[in-house]
Amino acid sequence: MAATLLAVAGCGTAANGSPSAPAVQRVGSATLVAGAKGLSRPLPTSWMIRLRAWFADKRSTLRLELGSSTVMVFDGSHIWHRVEVTKRGVVVDGRRTGASELTASSVTLRAGHGPVEIRDLVISRTKP
């Protein structure tokens, strides 16, 4: 079963990455808890985010806050989902969203309504 995703655009502007951000950042695993601070990382110029996510219950959601936009991924099927985010949009389990261009100089991952397990988070610089 593929996870469901929703892209919510906000207003305002953000740059597409920070030239001073590391070219590659890795987080082996993290547990995100609803209402907690979240996991924040700077994004390099021309960035790509890859991770695997597991949702503890049917109401769990993963929020990726990118500049003035928020991408939400959710699913209660208790399987690992592959998530890829670039400025061109989001792909979950091989399915692309119709989201508008995402621009940001940082990303914050937050859990909503229940814990979310994150594995193999990689933020990398791509070719422009």
C-alpha atoms as a PDB file:
ATOM      1  CA  MET A   1       0.000   0.000   0.000  1.00  0.00           C
ATOM      2  CA  ALA A   2       1.388   3.416  -0.926  1.00  0.00           C
ATOM      3  CA  ALA A   3       1.430   6.176   1.632  1.00  0.00           C
ATOM      4  CA  THR A   4      -0.762   9.177   1.109  1.00  0.00           C
ATOM      5  CA  LEU A   5       0.778  12.589   0.782  1.00  0.00           C
ATOM      6  CA  LEU A   6      -0.432  16.129   0.730  1.00  0.00           C
ATOM      7  CA  ALA A   7       1.481  19.261  -0.196  1.00  0.00           C
ATOM      8  CA  VAL A   8       0.338  22.476   1.393  1.00  0.00           C
ATOM      9  CA  ALA A   9       1.710  25.696  -0.044  1.00  0.00           C
ATOM     10  CA  GLY A  10       2.084  28.758   2.119  1.00  0.00           C
ATOM     11  CA  CYS A  11       2.847  32.327   1.293  1.00  0.00           C
ATOM     12  CA  GLY A  12       6.190  34.029   1.383  1.00  0.00           C
ATOM     13  CA  THR A  13       9.478  33.197  -0.230  1.00  0.00           C
ATOM     14  CA  ALA A  14      12.524  31.104   0.546  1.00  0.00           C
ATOM     15  CA  ALA A  15      15.799  30.504  -1.234  1.00  0.00           C
ATOM     16  CA  ASN A  16      16.532  27.166  -2.868  1.00  0.00           C
ATOM     17  CA  GLY A  17      19.216  26.123  -0.430  1.00  0.00           C
ATOM     18  CA  SER A  18      22.117  27.609   1.415  1.00  0.00           C
ATOM     19  CA  PRO A  19      25.571  27.714  -0.196  1.00  0.00           C
ATOM     20  CA  SER A  20      27.147  27.137   3.251  1.00  0.00           C
ATOM     21  CA  ALA A  21      25.133  23.976   4.048  1.00  0.00           C
ATOM     22  CA  PRO A  22      27.064  20.673   3.961  1.00  0.00           C
ATOM     23  CA  ALA A  23      26.907  18.854   0.612  1.00  0.00           C
ATOM     24  CA  VAL A  24      25.819  15.601   2.318  1.00  0.00           C
ATOM     25  CA  GLN A  25      24.091  15.098   5.675  1.00  0.00           C
ATOM     26  CA  ARG A  26      23.056  11.730   7.108  1.00  0.00           C
ATOM     27  CA  VAL A  27      20.859  10.638  10.007  1.00  0.00           C
ATOM     28  CA  GLY A  28      20.807   6.856  10.483  1.00  0.00           C
ATOM     29  CA  SER A  29      17.616   6.787  12.542  1.00  0.00           C
ATOM     30  CA  ALA A  30      15.381   9.078  14.559  1.00  0.00           C
ATOM     31  CA  THR A  31      12.045   8.815  16.331  1.00  0.00           C
ATOM     32  CA  LEU A  32       9.868  11.878  15.905  1.00  0.00           C
ATOM     33  CA  VAL A  33       7.193  12.467  18.548  1.00  0.00           C
ATOM     34  CA  ALA A  34       4.060  14.573  18.069  1.00  0.00           C
ATOM     35  CA  GLY A  35       4.367  17.964  19.740  1.00  0.00           C
ATOM     36  CA  ALA A  36       8.162  17.753  20.008  1.00  0.00           C
ATOM     37  CA  LYS A  37      10.687  20.155  18.492  1.00  0.00           C
ATOM     38  CA  GLY A  38      11.369  18.091  15.364  1.00  0.00           C
ATOM     39  CA  LEU A  39      14.533  17.452  13.380  1.00  0.00           C
ATOM     40  CA  SER A  40      15.924  20.490  11.512  1.00  0.00           C
ATOM     41  CA  ARG A  41      18.708  20.560   8.944  1.00  0.00           C
ATOM     42  CA  PRO A  42      20.045  23.198   6.509  1.00  0.00           C
ATOM     43  CA  LEU A  43      19.606  22.433   2.830  1.00  0.00           C
ATOM     44  CA  PRO A  44      22.420  22.847   0.316  1.00  0.00           C
ATOM     45  CA  THR A  45      21.841  24.581  -3.001  1.00  0.00           C
ATOM     46  CA  SER A  46      19.994  22.252  -5.436  1.00  0.00           C
ATOM     47  CA  TRP A  47      19.035  19.813  -2.671  1.00  0.00           C
ATOM     48  CA  MET A  48      17.496  16.335  -2.497  1.00  0.00           C
ATOM     49  CA  ILE A  49      16.070  14.634   0.611  1.00  0.00           C
ATOM     50  CA  ARG A  50      15.697  10.840   0.829  1.00  0.00           C
ATOM     51  CA  LEU A  51      14.402   8.841   3.778  1.00  0.00           C
ATOM     52  CA  ARG A  52      12.348   5.877   4.886  1.00  0.00           C
ATOM     53  CA  ALA A  53       9.379   6.449   7.208  1.00  0.00           C
ATOM     54  CA  TRP A  54       7.229   4.163   9.355  1.00  0.00           C
ATOM     55  CA  PHE A  55       4.011   5.386  10.978  1.00  0.00           C
ATOM     56  CA  ALA A  56       3.148   3.994  14.422  1.00  0.00           C
ATOM     57  CA  ASP A  57      -0.622   4.362  14.093  1.00  0.00           C
ATOM     58  CA  LYS A  58      -3.263   5.294  11.541  1.00  0.00           C
ATOM     59  CA  ARG A  59      -3.310   8.948  12.614  1.00  0.00           C
ATOM     60  CA  SER A  60       0.479   9.476  12.490  1.00  0.00           C
ATOM     61  CA  THR A  61       1.741  12.046   9.997  1.00  0.00           C
ATOM     62  CA  LEU A  62       5.172  13.224   8.910  1.00  0.00           C
ATOM     63  CA  ARG A  63       5.435  16.955   8.197  1.00  0.00           C
ATOM     64  CA  LEU A  64       8.356  18.248   6.148  1.00  0.00           C
ATOM     65  CA  GLU A  65       8.436  22.022   6.534  1.00  0.00           C
ATOM     66  CA  LEU A  66      10.285  23.556   3.582  1.00  0.00           C
ATOM     67  CA  GLY A  67      10.313  27.340   3.580  1.00  0.00           C
ATOM     68  CA  SER A  68       6.715  28.500   3.313  1.00  0.00           C
ATOM     69  CA  SER A  69       5.474  25.058   2.196  1.00  0.00           C
ATOM     70  CA  THR A  70       4.648  21.952   4.195  1.00  0.00           C
ATOM     71  CA  VAL A  71       4.568  18.452   2.765  1.00  0.00           C
ATOM     72  CA  MET A  72       2.632  15.888   4.814  1.00  0.00           C
ATOM     73  CA  VAL A  73       3.044  12.124   4.405  1.00  0.00           C
ATOM     74  CA  PHE A  74       0.794   9.701   6.268  1.00  0.00           C
ATOM     75  CA  ASP A  75      -0.279   6.060   6.240  1.00  0.00           C
ATOM     76  CA  GLY A  76      -1.316   3.527   8.888  1.00  0.00           C
ATOM     77  CA  SER A  77      -0.356   0.311   7.095  1.00  0.00           C
ATOM     78  CA  HIS A  78       2.725  -0.362   9.286  1.00  0.00           C
ATOM     79  CA  ILE A  79       5.194  -0.716   6.421  1.00  0.00           C
ATOM     80  CA  TRP A  80       8.303   1.302   5.586  1.00  0.00           C
ATOM     81  CA  HIS A  81       7.757   3.988   2.948  1.00  0.00           C
ATOM     82  CA  ARG A  82      10.450   5.502   0.722  1.00  0.00           C
ATOM     83  CA  VAL A  83      10.173   9.289   0.524  1.00  0.00           C
ATOM     84  CA  GLU A  84      12.133  11.553  -1.837  1.00  0.00           C
ATOM     85  CA  VAL A  85      11.750  15.329  -1.869  1.00  0.00           C
ATOM     86  CA  THR A  86      13.339  17.753  -4.323  1.00  0.00           C
ATOM     87  CA  LYS A  87      12.457  21.284  -5.374  1.00  0.00           C
ATOM     88  CA  ARG A  88      10.351  19.646  -8.139  1.00  0.00           C
ATOM     89  CA  GLY A  89       8.068  17.828  -5.696  1.00  0.00           C
ATOM     90  CA  VAL A  90       7.628  14.692  -3.632  1.00  0.00           C
ATOM     91  CA  VAL A  91       7.797  10.991  -4.512  1.00  0.00           C
ATOM     92  CA  VAL A  92       6.473   8.409  -2.034  1.00  0.00           C
ATOM     93  CA  ASP A  93       6.907   4.734  -2.896  1.00  0.00           C
ATOM     94  CA  GLY A  94       7.478   5.671  -6.548  1.00  0.00           C
ATOM     95  CA  ARG A  95       4.395   7.905  -6.864  1.00  0.00           C
ATOM     96  CA  ARG A  96       4.955  11.594  -7.627  1.00  0.00           C
ATOM     97  CA  THR A  97       2.733  14.387  -6.333  1.00  0.00           C
ATOM     98  CA  GLY A  98       1.527  17.258  -8.417  1.00  0.00           C
ATOM     99  CA  ALA A  99       3.042  19.749  -5.979  1.00  0.00           C
ATOM    100  CA  SER A 100       4.358  23.120  -7.078  1.00  0.00           C
ATOM    101  CA  GLU A 101       8.062  23.902  -6.867  1.00  0.00           C
ATOM    102  CA  LEU A 102       9.432  23.666  -3.340  1.00  0.00           C
ATOM    103  CA  THR A 103      12.080  26.193  -2.334  1.00  0.00           C
ATOM    104  CA  ALA A 104      13.796  26.300   1.033  1.00  0.00           C
ATOM    105  CA  SER A 105      17.118  26.825   2.756  1.00  0.00           C
ATOM    106  CA  SER A 106      16.262  24.371   5.560  1.00  0.00           C
ATOM    107  CA  VAL A 107      13.925  21.498   6.348  1.00  0.00           C
ATOM    108  CA  THR A 108      12.232  20.542   9.608  1.00  0.00           C
ATOM    109  CA  LEU A 109      10.719  17.081  10.026  1.00  0.00           C
ATOM    110  CA  ARG A 110       7.922  16.796  12.604  1.00  0.00           C
ATOM    111  CA  ALA A 111       5.520  14.074  13.691  1.00  0.00           C
ATOM    112  CA  GLY A 112       1.836  14.722  14.108  1.00  0.00           C
ATOM    113  CA  HIS A 113      -0.791  12.658  15.985  1.00  0.00           C
ATOM    114  CA  GLY A 114       1.683   9.902  16.874  1.00  0.00           C
ATOM    115  CA  PRO A 115       5.302   8.836  16.555  1.00  0.00           C
ATOM    116  CA  VAL A 116       7.074   8.438  13.221  1.00  0.00           C
ATOM    117  CA  GLU A 117      10.252   6.396  12.778  1.00  0.00           C
ATOM    118  CA  ILE A 118      12.791   7.802  10.311  1.00  0.00           C
ATOM    119  CA  ARG A 119      15.601   5.698   8.847  1.00  0.00           C
ATOM    120  CA  ASP A 120      18.370   6.433   6.348  1.00  0.00           C
ATOM    121  CA  LEU A 121      17.737  10.182   6.081  1.00  0.00           C
ATOM    122  CA  VAL A 122      20.131  11.639   3.496  1.00  0.00           C
ATOM    123  CA  ILE A 123      20.169  15.274   2.432  1.00  0.00           C
ATOM    124  CA  SER A 124      22.462  15.858  -0.524  1.00  0.00           C
ATOM    125  CA  ARG A 125      23.417  18.441  -3.081  1.00  0.00           C
ATOM    126  CA  THR A 126      22.357  17.628  -6.632  1.00  0.00           C
ATOM    127  CA  LYS A 127      23.646  18.974  -9.918  1.00  0.00           C
ATOM    128  CA  PRO A 128      21.910  22.257 -10.820  1.00  0.00           C
END
